[in-house]
C-alpha cells in the first residue's frame, strides 16, 4: 500500500485514497486514467471472449441473427471456406484477447511493484500471446475489411510497431 505524502484536503480525497492506495497508486489522477482506459480495455476484451466460440458466435453457419454477428460483412465467406483464414482469425482471437487482459494486470502498480515475478511471467505470456495473435492477423490481413492495400499496410504497420514496443519493454 502506498503511504500518502500529505494529509487529504477534504473527506472526498480521504475516501478516494482508501480505494486507490491499496492498488498501488499514489496520485488520484493516475488511478482515474487507469480506471478509464484499463476498464475500457478489459471490458472490450471480456465482451469479445464470446467470439472464441467461432462457429456459434463469430461466424454462425446460418448467418448472423439480427445483424449482431462478430465478423464484418462478407468476411465469414473466407473464414468458413478457406482453412488458412479460419486458422488465422482463430490464432488472432486466441492470442490477442488473453494478451489484452494480461496487459491490464501489467499496468496495475501493486502487481508491478509488489509481485515482481507475477509481473514478469504475465509480461512474457503477454508477449507470446500477442505474437501468436499478430501471426494470425497477418494471415488474414489480405482479406480483412476488403483486403485493400491501405488495410494491409496499416495492419502490418501497427502489428510490427506494437511488437517492437513489446520487445523494447522486454529489453
Protein backbone atom coordinates (compact mmCIF):
# COMPACT_ATOMS: atom_id res chain seq x y z
CA UNK A 1 0.00 0.00 0.00
CA UNK A 2 1.25 3.46 -0.88
CA UNK A 3 1.79 5.85 2.00
CA UNK A 4 0.36 9.31 1.27
CA UNK A 5 2.88 12.14 1.41
CA UNK A 6 0.45 14.69 2.84
CA UNK A 7 -2.92 14.61 4.59
CA UNK A 8 -6.07 14.67 2.46
CA UNK A 9 -7.57 18.08 1.76
CA UNK A 10 -11.18 17.00 2.29
CA UNK A 11 -13.32 13.98 3.09
CA UNK A 12 -13.73 13.09 -0.60
CA UNK A 13 -9.96 12.76 -1.00
CA UNK A 14 -9.73 10.75 2.20
CA UNK A 15 -12.36 8.31 0.95
CA UNK A 16 -10.86 8.13 -2.54
CA UNK A 17 -7.40 7.33 -1.15
CA UNK A 18 -8.84 4.24 0.51
CA UNK A 19 -9.69 2.99 -2.97
CA UNK A 20 -6.58 3.82 -5.00
CA UNK A 21 -3.81 3.44 -2.41
CA UNK A 22 -4.24 -0.35 -1.97
CA UNK A 23 -3.88 -0.75 -5.75
CA UNK A 24 -0.52 1.00 -5.58
CA UNK A 25 -1.48 4.41 -6.95
CA UNK A 26 -0.07 7.45 -5.19
CA UNK A 27 -1.98 10.09 -7.18
CA UNK A 28 -5.70 10.17 -7.85
CA UNK A 29 -5.41 11.24 -11.47
CA UNK A 30 -3.24 8.21 -12.28
CA UNK A 31 -5.90 5.94 -10.82
CA UNK A 32 -8.65 7.74 -12.74
CA UNK A 33 -6.78 7.34 -16.03
CA UNK A 34 -6.02 3.68 -15.26
CA UNK A 35 -9.65 3.06 -14.32
CA UNK A 36 -10.97 4.63 -17.53
CA UNK A 37 -8.54 3.10 -20.02
CA UNK A 38 -7.87 -0.25 -18.34
CA UNK A 39 -11.57 -0.63 -17.63
CA UNK A 40 -12.46 0.04 -21.25
CA UNK A 41 -9.71 -2.28 -22.46
CA UNK A 42 -10.74 -5.10 -20.12
CA UNK A 43 -14.41 -4.56 -20.89
CA UNK A 44 -13.75 -4.73 -24.63
CA UNK A 45 -11.70 -7.92 -24.26
CA UNK A 46 -14.24 -9.57 -21.96
CA UNK A 47 -17.08 -8.69 -24.35
CA UNK A 48 -15.15 -10.31 -27.23
CA UNK A 49 -14.29 -13.53 -25.40
CA UNK A 50 -17.57 -14.98 -26.64
CA UNK A 51 -16.13 -14.92 -30.17
CA UNK A 52 -13.75 -17.71 -29.21
CA UNK A 53 -16.78 -19.95 -29.81
CA UNK A 54 -16.14 -19.38 -33.51
CA UNK A 55 -18.90 -21.30 -35.27
CA UNK A 56 -21.65 -20.20 -32.89
CA UNK A 57 -20.92 -16.54 -32.18
CA UNK A 58 -18.31 -15.18 -34.59
CA UNK A 59 -19.30 -16.85 -37.88
CA UNK A 60 -22.51 -18.84 -37.43
CA UNK A 61 -23.21 -21.11 -40.39
CA UNK A 62 -26.77 -19.81 -40.75
CA UNK A 63 -25.64 -16.18 -40.79
CA UNK A 64 -25.83 -13.64 -38.02
CA UNK A 65 -29.20 -13.10 -36.39
CA UNK A 66 -30.32 -9.51 -36.26
CA UNK A 67 -27.10 -8.11 -37.70
CA UNK A 68 -25.20 -8.65 -34.46
CA UNK A 69 -22.55 -11.02 -35.83
CA UNK A 70 -18.93 -10.86 -34.87
CA UNK A 71 -17.26 -10.66 -38.26
CA UNK A 72 -17.55 -7.80 -40.70
CA UNK A 73 -19.95 -8.37 -43.60
CA UNK A 74 -18.50 -10.77 -46.16
CA UNK A 75 -15.56 -11.93 -44.08
CA UNK A 76 -17.16 -15.17 -42.93
CA UNK A 77 -17.03 -16.35 -46.53
CA UNK A 78 -13.24 -16.53 -46.29
CA UNK A 79 -13.20 -17.80 -42.71
CA UNK A 80 -15.62 -20.65 -43.42
CA UNK A 81 -14.40 -21.69 -46.88
CA UNK A 82 -10.62 -21.34 -46.63
CA UNK A 83 -8.81 -23.01 -43.75
CA UNK A 84 -5.90 -20.53 -43.88
CA UNK A 85 -8.18 -17.64 -42.95
CA UNK A 86 -10.07 -19.63 -40.31
CA UNK A 87 -6.80 -20.64 -38.66
CA UNK A 88 -5.62 -17.03 -38.91
CA UNK A 89 -8.65 -15.50 -37.24
CA UNK A 90 -8.66 -18.16 -34.53
CA UNK A 91 -4.96 -17.54 -33.83
CA UNK A 92 -5.66 -13.82 -33.70
CA UNK A 93 -8.58 -14.16 -31.28
CA UNK A 94 -6.89 -16.77 -29.07
CA UNK A 95 -3.73 -14.67 -28.87
CA UNK A 96 -4.92 -11.09 -28.59
CA UNK A 97 -7.86 -11.41 -26.21
CA UNK A 98 -5.97 -13.04 -23.31
CA UNK A 99 -2.94 -10.82 -24.00
CA UNK A 100 -5.09 -7.72 -23.61
CA UNK A 101 -6.40 -8.95 -20.26
CA UNK A 102 -2.82 -9.56 -19.14
CA UNK A 103 -1.95 -6.00 -20.23
CA UNK A 104 -4.42 -4.66 -17.67
CA UNK A 105 -2.65 -6.71 -14.99
CA UNK A 106 0.71 -5.41 -16.22
CA UNK A 107 -0.25 -1.79 -15.61
CA UNK A 108 -1.56 -2.24 -12.07
CA UNK A 109 1.12 -0.70 -9.81
CA UNK A 110 0.52 -3.06 -6.89
CA UNK A 111 1.36 -6.07 -9.02
CA UNK A 112 4.23 -4.32 -10.77
CA UNK A 113 5.91 -3.28 -7.51
CA UNK A 114 4.99 -5.99 -5.01
CA UNK A 115 4.61 -9.14 -7.10
CA UNK A 116 7.51 -8.70 -9.48
CA UNK A 117 7.63 -12.35 -10.53
CA UNK A 118 3.90 -12.28 -11.44
CA UNK A 119 4.55 -9.10 -13.41
CA UNK A 120 7.43 -10.72 -15.32
CA UNK A 121 5.68 -14.00 -16.05
CA UNK A 122 2.50 -12.30 -17.21
CA UNK A 123 4.62 -9.98 -19.34
CA UNK A 124 6.32 -12.91 -21.04
CA UNK A 125 2.95 -14.58 -21.54
CA UNK A 126 1.50 -11.37 -22.99
CA UNK A 127 4.40 -11.07 -25.45
CA UNK A 128 3.99 -14.69 -26.52
CA UNK A 129 0.21 -14.41 -26.88
CA UNK A 130 0.49 -11.14 -28.78
CA UNK A 131 2.99 -12.70 -31.17
CA UNK A 132 0.56 -15.57 -31.83
CA UNK A 133 -2.22 -13.02 -32.38
CA UNK A 134 -0.01 -10.99 -34.73
CA UNK A 135 0.78 -14.06 -36.82
CA UNK A 136 -2.95 -14.72 -37.09
CA UNK A 137 -3.68 -11.11 -38.01
CA UNK A 138 -1.03 -11.11 -40.71
CA UNK A 139 -2.52 -14.35 -42.07
CA UNK A 140 -5.96 -12.78 -42.55
CA UNK A 141 -4.96 -9.24 -43.47
CA UNK A 142 -5.14 -9.94 -47.21
CA UNK A 143 -8.94 -10.36 -46.98
CA UNK A 144 -9.69 -8.34 -43.83
CA UNK A 145 -12.17 -5.49 -44.38
CA UNK A 146 -11.99 -5.89 -48.14
CA UNK A 147 -8.25 -6.53 -48.29
CA UNK A 148 -7.32 -3.14 -49.71
CA UNK A 149 -3.71 -2.03 -49.76
CA UNK A 150 -4.45 0.54 -47.07
CA UNK A 151 -5.80 -2.14 -44.72
CA UNK A 152 -2.83 -4.42 -45.40
CA UNK A 153 -0.30 -1.63 -44.86
CA UNK A 154 -2.00 -0.44 -41.68
CA UNK A 155 -2.23 -3.97 -40.25
CA UNK A 156 1.45 -4.56 -40.90
CA UNK A 157 2.50 -1.15 -39.59
CA UNK A 158 0.50 -1.36 -36.36
CA UNK A 159 1.29 -5.03 -35.77
CA UNK A 160 5.03 -4.65 -36.22
CA UNK A 161 5.01 -1.35 -34.29
CA UNK A 162 3.34 -2.89 -31.26
CA UNK A 163 5.66 -5.90 -31.46
CA UNK A 164 8.66 -3.52 -31.41
CA UNK A 165 7.18 -1.84 -28.32
CA UNK A 166 6.82 -5.23 -26.63
CA UNK A 167 10.41 -6.14 -27.44
CA UNK A 168 11.62 -2.79 -26.08
CA UNK A 169 9.68 -3.38 -22.86
CA UNK A 170 11.35 -6.76 -22.53
CA UNK A 171 14.91 -5.50 -23.00
